[in-house]
Amino acid sequence: MRKIILFLALVLWACGAPSQVDTAKAQENKTDQSTVNNTDGVDASVVEADPNHPLGAALPEGVPTPIDAAQLWREVLPENLLYMKTLHGITLIEMAPEFAPNHVQRMRDLASNGYFIGLPFHRVIKGFMAQAGDHTLVRRPDPTTPTMPGEFKFRRSPEQKMVVVGEDRSANTGFVDGFAVASQPDALAMMTADGKVRAWALHCQGAAAMARTSDPNSANAQFYITTGYPEWLNGQYTAWGRVRAGQLAVNEIKLGAPAYPPDMIDGLTLGNEMPAEKRARVWVLRTDSTAFATYLEQQKDTSGTLPGVCKIAVPVYVQWASE
């Protein structure tokens, strides 16, 4: 009986949790997980060919590894790489300071302080996202960090080359430095005072973003990783990075709001703070390269049409420390 009462109390707490990602449209579109994966996300078998050695998408035919052709690849800087450890494995998350500098710095600061270790995934919704960082479930004091203004969109210079693969309403969709984004066309840059256009990172499967309340400027110390494609969050929540390896581990986090007991964050460490012998090296195929153009050609269907931007997995190469 005591366990039942505790469980009900946790459920009631979750209904009033202060920092929640909008689930209204997720509830409107409830469906089987297999349907979500087939329509909204990238098939996990494509993203990670070997769950025990989780790379990104398979290398395009004829494209050499970064060991053999470094010019085709961009190596992720250690200070922009987060190692998240759960009982399901290691997930590598690349942060994008060019899109959301303040949120990336907040994640760096909290990770460096060990803030997230031992905190639960307190809100995990099937085919939607896994949210973590609530300190109240484990009776920790409030975070000392202040809330942050939203960084839902950023100003993109034409020098930040975007490879366009489609459209979303009045915006182009495509890739900037290996991140899926939507952006105003470059042609508008000549009509703006700063010579830039408005752009925003997309919530494709594997996006890492900050939770907030109904106040758009209330993000603080809770984050989530998407397991589907909640497109209604685009431009409304700050996406500060994306999973480069280990999405399967995220997809396996125990469901619940909260689950009882919830899965926990066993580690969240910056790459440049990892011991050298334990660091992984992560490369992302340059999306402005001829190799990526060839890869896109391989993704077209028989009519010559590309799939939606969120169904195009950017090739990633990971060299683990044991290799």
Protein backbone atom coordinates (compact mmCIF):
# COMPACT_ATOMS: atom_id res chain seq x y z
CA MET A 1 0.00 0.00 0.00
CA ARG A 2 2.85 2.38 0.84
CA LYS A 3 4.37 1.86 -2.62
CA ILE A 4 0.99 2.52 -4.26
CA ILE A 5 0.58 5.78 -2.33
CA LEU A 6 4.11 6.87 -3.28
CA PHE A 7 3.45 6.05 -6.92
CA LEU A 8 0.21 8.09 -6.95
CA ALA A 9 2.01 10.99 -5.30
CA LEU A 10 4.68 10.93 -7.99
CA VAL A 11 2.04 10.91 -10.71
CA LEU A 12 0.25 13.87 -9.16
CA TRP A 13 3.58 15.68 -8.84
CA ALA A 14 4.32 15.08 -12.52
CA CYS A 15 1.03 16.65 -13.58
CA GLY A 16 2.20 19.88 -11.99
CA ALA A 17 5.90 19.75 -12.83
CA PRO A 18 7.08 23.28 -13.66
CA SER A 19 9.32 22.64 -16.68
CA GLN A 20 7.48 20.57 -19.24
CA VAL A 21 7.83 20.18 -22.97
CA ASP A 22 4.53 20.82 -24.72
CA THR A 23 2.75 17.49 -25.22
CA ALA A 24 -0.59 18.78 -26.50
CA LYS A 25 0.00 17.76 -30.09
CA ALA A 26 1.77 14.59 -29.04
CA GLN A 27 -1.42 13.55 -27.27
CA GLU A 28 -3.49 14.47 -30.33
CA ASN A 29 -1.33 12.19 -32.45
CA LYS A 30 -0.88 9.16 -30.19
CA THR A 31 0.12 6.13 -32.19
CA ASP A 32 2.06 2.92 -32.05
CA GLN A 33 5.85 3.34 -31.61
CA SER A 34 6.57 1.52 -34.87
CA THR A 35 4.38 3.98 -36.74
CA VAL A 36 6.13 6.91 -35.10
CA ASN A 37 9.53 5.56 -36.11
CA ASN A 38 8.41 4.95 -39.67
CA THR A 39 6.81 8.34 -40.21
CA ASP A 40 8.52 10.82 -37.91
CA GLY A 41 11.97 9.52 -37.09
CA VAL A 42 14.95 7.87 -38.70
CA ASP A 43 14.88 4.08 -38.63
CA ALA A 44 17.23 3.07 -35.81
CA SER A 45 18.71 0.30 -37.96
CA VAL A 46 19.92 2.98 -40.38
CA VAL A 47 21.22 5.35 -37.73
CA GLU A 48 23.01 2.66 -35.76
CA ALA A 49 23.98 -0.46 -37.64
CA ASP A 50 25.51 -2.10 -34.58
CA PRO A 51 23.96 -1.35 -31.15
CA ASN A 52 27.22 -2.42 -29.49
CA HIS A 53 29.23 -0.02 -31.62
CA PRO A 54 26.83 2.83 -32.42
CA LEU A 55 27.99 4.78 -35.43
CA GLY A 56 25.91 7.22 -37.42
CA ALA A 57 24.49 6.38 -40.83
CA ALA A 58 26.47 3.95 -42.96
CA LEU A 59 29.23 5.61 -44.95
CA PRO A 60 28.17 6.50 -48.50
CA GLU A 61 29.52 4.12 -51.07
CA GLY A 62 33.03 5.14 -52.10
CA VAL A 63 33.50 7.68 -49.30
CA PRO A 64 36.67 7.03 -47.28
CA THR A 65 36.83 7.29 -43.52
CA PRO A 66 38.14 10.47 -41.87
CA ILE A 67 41.36 8.61 -41.14
CA ASP A 68 41.96 8.38 -44.91
CA ALA A 69 40.33 11.63 -46.11
CA ALA A 70 40.15 14.19 -43.32
CA GLN A 71 39.08 16.98 -45.71
CA LEU A 72 35.68 15.35 -46.18
CA TRP A 73 34.91 15.31 -42.48
CA ARG A 74 34.49 17.70 -39.57
CA GLU A 75 35.81 16.47 -36.24
CA VAL A 76 33.66 17.42 -33.26
CA LEU A 77 35.59 19.56 -30.77
CA PRO A 78 35.92 17.88 -27.35
CA GLU A 79 34.43 20.92 -25.60
CA ASN A 80 31.30 20.53 -27.74
CA LEU A 81 30.82 16.83 -27.01
CA LEU A 82 28.80 15.45 -24.09
CA TYR A 83 29.11 11.84 -22.93
CA MET A 84 25.81 10.78 -21.34
CA LYS A 85 25.81 7.48 -19.51
CA THR A 86 22.68 5.53 -18.55
CA LEU A 87 22.14 1.87 -17.76
CA HIS A 88 21.38 1.47 -21.50
CA GLY A 89 24.79 2.66 -22.66
CA ILE A 90 26.74 5.74 -23.75
CA THR A 91 25.16 8.50 -25.82
CA LEU A 92 27.38 11.09 -27.51
CA ILE A 93 25.74 14.51 -27.97
CA GLU A 94 27.27 17.29 -30.06
CA MET A 95 26.43 20.79 -28.88
CA ALA A 96 26.00 23.69 -31.32
CA PRO A 97 27.20 26.96 -29.75
CA GLU A 98 26.67 28.78 -33.07
CA PHE A 99 22.92 28.18 -32.70
CA ALA A 100 22.37 28.60 -28.96
CA PRO A 101 25.54 29.88 -27.25
CA ASN A 102 24.00 30.61 -23.85
CA HIS A 103 22.27 27.24 -23.58
CA VAL A 104 25.40 25.39 -24.65
CA GLN A 105 27.41 27.25 -22.01
CA ARG A 106 24.78 26.36 -19.41
CA MET A 107 25.09 22.67 -20.32
CA ARG A 108 28.87 22.93 -20.12
CA ASP A 109 28.71 24.56 -16.70
CA LEU A 110 26.22 22.07 -15.27
CA ALA A 111 28.08 19.09 -16.71
CA SER A 112 31.39 20.38 -15.33
CA ASN A 113 29.83 20.74 -11.88
CA GLY A 114 28.41 17.20 -11.97
CA TYR A 115 24.92 18.63 -11.54
CA PHE A 116 23.10 16.01 -13.61
CA ILE A 117 24.67 12.89 -12.14
CA GLY A 118 22.05 10.96 -10.21
CA LEU A 119 19.10 12.93 -11.57
CA PRO A 120 16.18 11.00 -13.09
CA PHE A 121 14.59 10.95 -16.51
CA HIS A 122 11.38 12.12 -14.94
CA ARG A 123 9.26 12.52 -18.05
CA VAL A 124 9.62 10.03 -20.90
CA ILE A 125 6.86 9.83 -23.50
CA LYS A 126 6.77 7.16 -26.19
CA GLY A 127 7.71 8.43 -29.65
CA PHE A 128 8.18 11.96 -28.32
CA MET A 129 11.07 12.67 -25.93
CA ALA A 130 12.99 11.80 -22.75
CA GLN A 131 13.25 14.69 -20.27
CA ALA A 132 15.71 14.87 -17.37
CA GLY A 133 17.07 17.27 -14.78
CA ASP A 134 14.31 17.62 -12.20
CA HIS A 135 16.04 17.85 -8.82
CA THR A 136 12.91 17.60 -6.66
CA LEU A 137 12.41 13.87 -7.20
CA VAL A 138 15.70 13.19 -5.44
CA ARG A 139 15.25 16.00 -2.90
CA ARG A 140 18.11 18.16 -4.06
CA PRO A 141 18.11 21.94 -3.57
CA ASP A 142 17.07 24.24 -6.37
CA PRO A 143 19.74 24.95 -9.00
CA THR A 144 21.66 28.16 -8.32
CA THR A 145 21.71 29.05 -12.02
CA PRO A 146 19.30 31.73 -13.25
CA THR A 147 16.69 31.19 -15.95
CA MET A 148 17.71 32.06 -19.50
CA PRO A 149 16.10 33.93 -22.39
CA GLY A 150 15.04 31.62 -25.18
CA GLU A 151 17.38 31.07 -28.11
CA PHE A 152 14.74 29.57 -30.35
CA LYS A 153 16.16 31.06 -33.54
CA PHE A 154 19.53 32.37 -34.65
CA ARG A 155 20.86 34.69 -37.32
CA ARG A 156 22.54 32.76 -40.13
CA SER A 157 25.09 34.36 -42.42
CA PRO A 158 25.25 33.13 -46.04
CA GLU A 159 28.82 32.13 -45.15
CA GLN A 160 27.27 29.47 -42.94
CA LYS A 161 26.50 27.42 -45.98
CA MET A 162 23.18 25.61 -45.91
CA VAL A 163 22.57 22.56 -48.09
CA VAL A 164 18.87 22.81 -48.95
CA VAL A 165 16.94 19.55 -49.29
CA GLY A 166 13.33 20.73 -48.98
CA GLU A 167 10.87 23.33 -47.77
CA ASP A 168 8.71 23.82 -44.70
CA ARG A 169 6.03 26.44 -45.29
CA SER A 170 7.97 29.63 -46.10
CA ALA A 171 11.38 28.31 -45.02
CA ASN A 172 13.99 26.09 -46.59
CA THR A 173 15.04 22.93 -44.76
CA GLY A 174 18.46 21.37 -44.94
CA PHE A 175 21.78 21.10 -43.14
CA VAL A 176 24.27 23.54 -41.65
CA ASP A 177 27.47 21.89 -40.38
CA GLY A 178 25.66 18.57 -40.13
CA PHE A 179 22.69 19.91 -38.13
CA ALA A 180 19.16 19.82 -39.50
CA VAL A 181 17.78 23.36 -39.70
CA ALA A 182 15.10 25.49 -41.28
CA SER A 183 16.04 28.91 -42.61
CA GLN A 184 14.87 31.86 -44.59
CA PRO A 185 16.39 31.85 -48.10
CA ASP A 186 19.84 33.39 -48.54
CA ALA A 187 18.40 35.89 -50.99
CA LEU A 188 16.75 37.74 -48.10
CA ALA A 189 20.15 38.46 -46.52
CA MET A 190 20.76 41.42 -48.81
CA MET A 191 17.62 43.05 -47.43
CA THR A 192 18.51 42.76 -43.74
CA ALA A 193 20.57 45.19 -41.68
CA ASP A 194 23.05 42.56 -40.53
CA GLY A 195 23.24 40.68 -43.83
CA LYS A 196 21.87 37.54 -42.18
CA VAL A 197 18.65 35.54 -42.23
CA ARG A 198 16.57 33.91 -39.51
CA ALA A 199 17.12 30.18 -38.95
CA TRP A 200 16.31 27.57 -36.32
CA ALA A 201 17.42 24.04 -35.47
CA LEU A 202 14.85 21.30 -36.10
CA HIS A 203 13.56 18.81 -33.54
CA CYS A 204 14.39 15.73 -35.61
CA GLN A 205 14.90 12.48 -33.71
CA GLY A 206 17.97 12.88 -31.52
CA ALA A 207 17.64 16.65 -31.02
CA ALA A 208 18.83 17.86 -27.60
CA ALA A 209 16.94 20.87 -26.26
CA MET A 210 16.04 22.75 -23.09
CA ALA A 211 12.74 22.35 -21.27
CA ARG A 212 10.88 25.39 -20.00
CA THR A 213 7.56 26.49 -18.52
CA SER A 214 4.91 28.45 -20.42
CA ASP A 215 7.23 31.43 -19.96
CA PRO A 216 9.48 31.32 -23.05
CA ASN A 217 12.38 32.72 -21.04
CA SER A 218 12.32 30.19 -18.20
CA ALA A 219 14.78 27.48 -19.29
CA ASN A 220 17.26 26.59 -16.58
CA ALA A 221 18.56 23.09 -15.80
CA GLN A 222 16.23 20.59 -17.46
CA PHE A 223 16.79 19.16 -20.92
CA TYR A 224 15.23 16.60 -23.23
CA ILE A 225 16.21 14.43 -26.18
CA THR A 226 13.65 13.67 -28.85
CA THR A 227 12.75 10.11 -29.83
CA GLY A 228 10.35 11.14 -32.60
CA TYR A 229 9.89 14.34 -34.59
CA PRO A 230 7.72 16.79 -32.58
CA GLU A 231 7.78 19.45 -35.26
CA TRP A 232 5.48 21.77 -33.29
CA LEU A 233 8.42 22.46 -30.96
CA ASN A 234 10.48 23.96 -33.79
CA GLY A 235 11.20 27.61 -33.06
CA GLN A 236 9.42 27.36 -29.69
CA TYR A 237 12.02 25.53 -27.60
CA THR A 238 15.80 25.98 -27.69
CA ALA A 239 17.53 23.11 -29.48
CA TRP A 240 21.21 23.24 -28.52
CA GLY A 241 22.57 20.00 -29.97
CA ARG A 242 21.94 16.53 -31.32
CA VAL A 243 22.85 12.91 -30.68
CA ARG A 244 25.75 11.73 -32.82
CA ALA A 245 25.89 8.16 -31.46
CA GLY A 246 23.87 6.16 -28.96
CA GLN A 247 20.29 7.11 -29.90
CA LEU A 248 19.22 3.53 -29.20
CA ALA A 249 20.19 4.04 -25.56
CA VAL A 250 17.89 7.09 -25.42
CA ASN A 251 15.04 5.19 -27.05
CA GLU A 252 15.29 2.51 -24.34
CA ILE A 253 14.90 4.89 -21.38
CA LYS A 254 12.00 3.76 -19.22
CA LEU A 255 8.69 5.38 -20.10
CA GLY A 256 6.69 7.32 -17.53
CA ALA A 257 5.95 10.73 -16.07
CA PRO A 258 7.70 9.73 -13.94
CA ALA A 259 8.41 6.03 -14.26
CA TYR A 260 8.63 4.15 -10.99
CA PRO A 261 11.50 3.86 -10.45
CA PRO A 262 12.83 6.12 -13.21
CA ASP A 263 16.04 5.60 -15.18
CA MET A 264 18.83 7.85 -13.98
CA ILE A 265 21.69 9.85 -15.47
CA ASP A 266 24.76 7.93 -14.35
CA GLY A 267 27.14 10.37 -15.99
CA LEU A 268 27.14 13.52 -18.11
CA THR A 269 30.67 14.65 -18.92
CA LEU A 270 32.28 17.11 -21.32
CA GLY A 271 34.67 15.59 -23.83
CA ASN A 272 37.53 17.87 -22.83
CA GLU A 273 37.08 16.76 -19.21
CA MET A 274 37.19 13.05 -20.02
CA PRO A 275 40.45 11.22 -19.31
CA ALA A 276 42.44 11.07 -22.54
CA GLU A 277 42.40 7.28 -22.58
CA LYS A 278 38.59 7.23 -22.44
CA ARG A 279 37.84 9.88 -25.07
CA ALA A 280 36.07 9.03 -28.30
CA ARG A 281 36.78 10.88 -31.52
CA VAL A 282 33.68 11.82 -33.50
CA TRP A 283 33.59 12.99 -37.10
CA VAL A 284 30.59 14.28 -39.05
CA LEU A 285 30.60 14.15 -42.84
CA ARG A 286 30.80 17.74 -44.10
CA THR A 287 27.36 18.55 -45.42
CA ASP A 288 28.85 21.14 -47.80
CA SER A 289 31.15 18.52 -49.39
CA THR A 290 30.86 16.71 -52.72
CA ALA A 291 30.79 13.47 -50.74
CA PHE A 292 27.59 14.57 -48.99
CA ALA A 293 26.11 15.64 -52.35
CA THR A 294 26.76 12.12 -53.61
CA TYR A 295 25.18 10.71 -50.46
CA LEU A 296 22.05 12.83 -51.05
CA GLU A 297 21.77 11.44 -54.57
CA GLN A 298 21.71 7.97 -53.04
CA GLN A 299 18.78 8.99 -50.82
CA LYS A 300 16.45 9.95 -53.69
CA ASP A 301 13.53 7.74 -54.60
CA THR A 302 12.77 6.51 -58.11
CA SER A 303 11.16 9.85 -58.98
CA GLY A 304 14.29 11.73 -57.94
CA THR A 305 12.73 13.15 -54.78
CA LEU A 306 14.61 13.41 -51.50
CA PRO A 307 12.96 12.31 -48.23
CA GLY A 308 12.17 14.89 -45.57
CA VAL A 309 15.16 16.47 -43.85
CA CYS A 310 14.58 14.50 -40.64
CA LYS A 311 14.74 11.21 -42.52
CA ILE A 312 18.22 11.94 -43.85
CA ALA A 313 20.77 10.70 -41.32
CA VAL A 314 24.04 12.59 -41.60
CA PRO A 315 26.94 10.08 -41.74
CA VAL A 316 28.99 9.98 -38.54
CA TYR A 317 32.21 8.12 -37.80
CA VAL A 318 33.17 7.29 -34.22
CA GLN A 319 36.52 6.01 -33.04
CA TRP A 320 36.06 4.72 -29.52
CA ALA A 321 38.86 4.85 -27.00
CA SER A 322 39.28 1.06 -27.04
CA GLU A 323 40.08 1.05 -30.75
